[in-house]
Amino acid sequence: MPSPKKKPAAPSDAKAEPKLPPDPRQSKSRLWLTFPAPLITRPVIWELGQKFKVVFNLRQVSVGKDIGIVCLELDGARSEIRAAINWLESLGIEVEPVEISVLES
């Protein structure tokens, strides 16, 4: 009766994949978004994640009856971030860059 075949063990000195240098076309942007009342209940951030190849992080959110204010961090190719910003503005959302890192303190 033949013995079962064993998988060869991975060498103990196997090296991890080399880290690639960051892509210079990649970018990270922090933005203040001001939503008008008609858009407060629309899932705009979800739509943004579906339409564009960006990773988003909600840093701060304040939603009231008449206005919504969101601090959003976008990470991705500069062209995708620019397209996402243009799309947000086309919806009537005011987009402003975060000037100082008040969120980190």
C-alpha atoms as a PDB file:
ATOM      1  CA  MET A   1       0.000   0.000   0.000  1.00  0.00           C
ATOM      2  CA  PRO A   2       1.594   3.307  -1.077  1.00  0.00           C
ATOM      3  CA  SER A   3       2.063   5.941   1.561  1.00  0.00           C
ATOM      4  CA  PRO A   4      -0.008   9.153   1.211  1.00  0.00           C
ATOM      5  CA  LYS A   5       1.812  12.009  -0.459  1.00  0.00           C
ATOM      6  CA  LYS A   6       2.780  14.838   1.796  1.00  0.00           C
ATOM      7  CA  LYS A   7       2.950  18.463   0.775  1.00  0.00           C
ATOM      8  CA  PRO A   8       6.477  19.816   0.969  1.00  0.00           C
ATOM      9  CA  ALA A   9       6.991  22.128   3.888  1.00  0.00           C
ATOM     10  CA  ALA A  10       7.581  25.772   3.131  1.00  0.00           C
ATOM     11  CA  PRO A  11      11.186  26.767   3.681  1.00  0.00           C
ATOM     12  CA  SER A  12      11.644  28.395   7.046  1.00  0.00           C
ATOM     13  CA  ASP A  13      13.676  31.172   5.503  1.00  0.00           C
ATOM     14  CA  ALA A  14      10.914  32.133   3.022  1.00  0.00           C
ATOM     15  CA  LYS A  15      10.928  35.865   2.473  1.00  0.00           C
ATOM     16  CA  ALA A  16       7.827  38.000   2.507  1.00  0.00           C
ATOM     17  CA  GLU A  17       6.730  39.739  -0.667  1.00  0.00           C
ATOM     18  CA  PRO A  18       8.820  42.857  -1.243  1.00  0.00           C
ATOM     19  CA  LYS A  19       6.998  46.076  -0.480  1.00  0.00           C
ATOM     20  CA  LEU A  20       6.458  48.221  -3.508  1.00  0.00           C
ATOM     21  CA  PRO A  21       7.162  51.931  -3.279  1.00  0.00           C
ATOM     22  CA  PRO A  22       4.029  54.060  -2.990  1.00  0.00           C
ATOM     23  CA  ASP A  23       2.471  55.023  -6.292  1.00  0.00           C
ATOM     24  CA  PRO A  24       3.093  58.758  -6.819  1.00  0.00           C
ATOM     25  CA  ARG A  25      -0.305  58.997  -8.464  1.00  0.00           C
ATOM     26  CA  GLN A  26      -1.971  57.852  -5.246  1.00  0.00           C
ATOM     27  CA  SER A  27      -3.293  60.541  -2.983  1.00  0.00           C
ATOM     28  CA  LYS A  28      -5.199  61.091   0.228  1.00  0.00           C
ATOM     29  CA  SER A  29      -7.554  64.037   0.648  1.00  0.00           C
ATOM     30  CA  ARG A  30      -9.594  65.260   3.589  1.00  0.00           C
ATOM     31  CA  LEU A  31     -12.672  67.190   2.657  1.00  0.00           C
ATOM     32  CA  TRP A  32     -15.566  68.973   4.305  1.00  0.00           C
ATOM     33  CA  LEU A  33     -18.835  68.159   2.566  1.00  0.00           C
ATOM     34  CA  THR A  34     -21.922  70.288   3.152  1.00  0.00           C
ATOM     35  CA  PHE A  35     -25.126  68.551   2.118  1.00  0.00           C
ATOM     36  CA  PRO A  36     -28.256  70.563   1.334  1.00  0.00           C
ATOM     37  CA  ALA A  37     -31.498  69.395   2.963  1.00  0.00           C
ATOM     38  CA  PRO A  38     -32.818  67.452  -0.073  1.00  0.00           C
ATOM     39  CA  LEU A  39     -29.699  65.226  -0.116  1.00  0.00           C
ATOM     40  CA  ILE A  40     -29.479  64.417   3.598  1.00  0.00           C
ATOM     41  CA  THR A  41     -31.373  61.125   3.294  1.00  0.00           C
ATOM     42  CA  ARG A  42     -29.730  60.024   0.021  1.00  0.00           C
ATOM     43  CA  PRO A  43     -26.903  57.459   0.457  1.00  0.00           C
ATOM     44  CA  VAL A  44     -24.385  59.672  -1.345  1.00  0.00           C
ATOM     45  CA  ILE A  45     -21.272  58.287   0.369  1.00  0.00           C
ATOM     46  CA  TRP A  46     -22.293  54.727  -0.508  1.00  0.00           C
ATOM     47  CA  GLU A  47     -22.894  55.809  -4.118  1.00  0.00           C
ATOM     48  CA  LEU A  48     -19.455  57.436  -4.179  1.00  0.00           C
ATOM     49  CA  GLY A  49     -17.880  54.152  -3.077  1.00  0.00           C
ATOM     50  CA  GLN A  50     -19.717  52.295  -5.846  1.00  0.00           C
ATOM     51  CA  LYS A  51     -18.950  54.789  -8.642  1.00  0.00           C
ATOM     52  CA  PHE A  52     -15.273  55.513  -7.966  1.00  0.00           C
ATOM     53  CA  LYS A  53     -12.173  53.489  -7.088  1.00  0.00           C
ATOM     54  CA  VAL A  54     -11.537  55.263  -3.805  1.00  0.00           C
ATOM     55  CA  VAL A  55     -11.400  54.172  -0.206  1.00  0.00           C
ATOM     56  CA  PHE A  56     -13.328  56.496   2.054  1.00  0.00           C
ATOM     57  CA  ASN A  57     -13.248  57.088   5.777  1.00  0.00           C
ATOM     58  CA  LEU A  58     -15.853  59.137   7.605  1.00  0.00           C
ATOM     59  CA  ARG A  59     -13.899  61.274  10.062  1.00  0.00           C
ATOM     60  CA  GLN A  60     -16.720  63.372  11.486  1.00  0.00           C
ATOM     61  CA  VAL A  61     -20.447  63.699  10.764  1.00  0.00           C
ATOM     62  CA  SER A  62     -23.132  66.114  11.898  1.00  0.00           C
ATOM     63  CA  VAL A  63     -26.597  65.823  10.385  1.00  0.00           C
ATOM     64  CA  GLY A  64     -29.484  68.102  11.196  1.00  0.00           C
ATOM     65  CA  LYS A  65     -32.916  68.716   9.771  1.00  0.00           C
ATOM     66  CA  ASP A  66     -31.738  71.285   7.222  1.00  0.00           C
ATOM     67  CA  ILE A  67     -28.063  70.515   6.623  1.00  0.00           C
ATOM     68  CA  GLY A  68     -25.501  67.725   6.799  1.00  0.00           C
ATOM     69  CA  ILE A  69     -21.785  68.263   7.363  1.00  0.00           C
ATOM     70  CA  VAL A  70     -19.306  65.447   6.790  1.00  0.00           C
ATOM     71  CA  CYS A  71     -15.537  65.295   7.086  1.00  0.00           C
ATOM     72  CA  LEU A  72     -14.529  62.665   4.559  1.00  0.00           C
ATOM     73  CA  GLU A  73     -11.104  61.222   3.842  1.00  0.00           C
ATOM     74  CA  LEU A  74     -10.584  59.838   0.340  1.00  0.00           C
ATOM     75  CA  ASP A  75      -7.669  57.611  -0.607  1.00  0.00           C
ATOM     76  CA  GLY A  76      -6.982  56.582  -4.201  1.00  0.00           C
ATOM     77  CA  ALA A  77      -5.662  57.704  -7.541  1.00  0.00           C
ATOM     78  CA  ARG A  78      -5.653  61.463  -7.909  1.00  0.00           C
ATOM     79  CA  SER A  79      -7.795  61.211 -11.038  1.00  0.00           C
ATOM     80  CA  GLU A  80     -10.421  59.144  -9.180  1.00  0.00           C
ATOM     81  CA  ILE A  81     -10.473  61.573  -6.248  1.00  0.00           C
ATOM     82  CA  ARG A  82     -10.873  64.517  -8.640  1.00  0.00           C
ATOM     83  CA  ALA A  83     -13.714  62.709 -10.478  1.00  0.00           C
ATOM     84  CA  ALA A  84     -15.409  61.903  -7.148  1.00  0.00           C
ATOM     85  CA  ILE A  85     -15.190  65.553  -6.048  1.00  0.00           C
ATOM     86  CA  ASN A  86     -16.605  66.729  -9.378  1.00  0.00           C
ATOM     87  CA  TRP A  87     -19.485  64.274  -9.020  1.00  0.00           C
ATOM     88  CA  LEU A  88     -20.251  65.447  -5.463  1.00  0.00           C
ATOM     89  CA  GLU A  89     -20.275  69.066  -6.619  1.00  0.00           C
ATOM     90  CA  SER A  90     -22.552  68.178  -9.544  1.00  0.00           C
ATOM     91  CA  LEU A  91     -25.090  66.921  -6.997  1.00  0.00           C
ATOM     92  CA  GLY A  92     -25.068  70.285  -5.222  1.00  0.00           C
ATOM     93  CA  ILE A  93     -22.795  69.261  -2.355  1.00  0.00           C
ATOM     94  CA  GLU A  94     -20.312  71.938  -1.297  1.00  0.00           C
ATOM     95  CA  VAL A  95     -16.789  70.474  -1.120  1.00  0.00           C
ATOM     96  CA  GLU A  96     -13.964  72.241   0.740  1.00  0.00           C
ATOM     97  CA  PRO A  97     -10.513  70.918   1.689  1.00  0.00           C
ATOM     98  CA  VAL A  98      -9.724  70.464   5.368  1.00  0.00           C
ATOM     99  CA  GLU A  99      -7.177  73.220   5.984  1.00  0.00           C
ATOM    100  CA  ILE A 100      -5.691  72.134   9.300  1.00  0.00           C
ATOM    101  CA  SER A 101      -5.645  68.774  10.959  1.00  0.00           C
ATOM    102  CA  VAL A 102      -7.975  69.672  13.806  1.00  0.00           C
ATOM    103  CA  LEU A 103      -9.294  66.110  13.805  1.00  0.00           C
ATOM    104  CA  GLU A 104      -5.992  64.661  14.985  1.00  0.00           C
ATOM    105  CA  SER A 105      -5.698  66.676  18.181  1.00  0.00           C
END
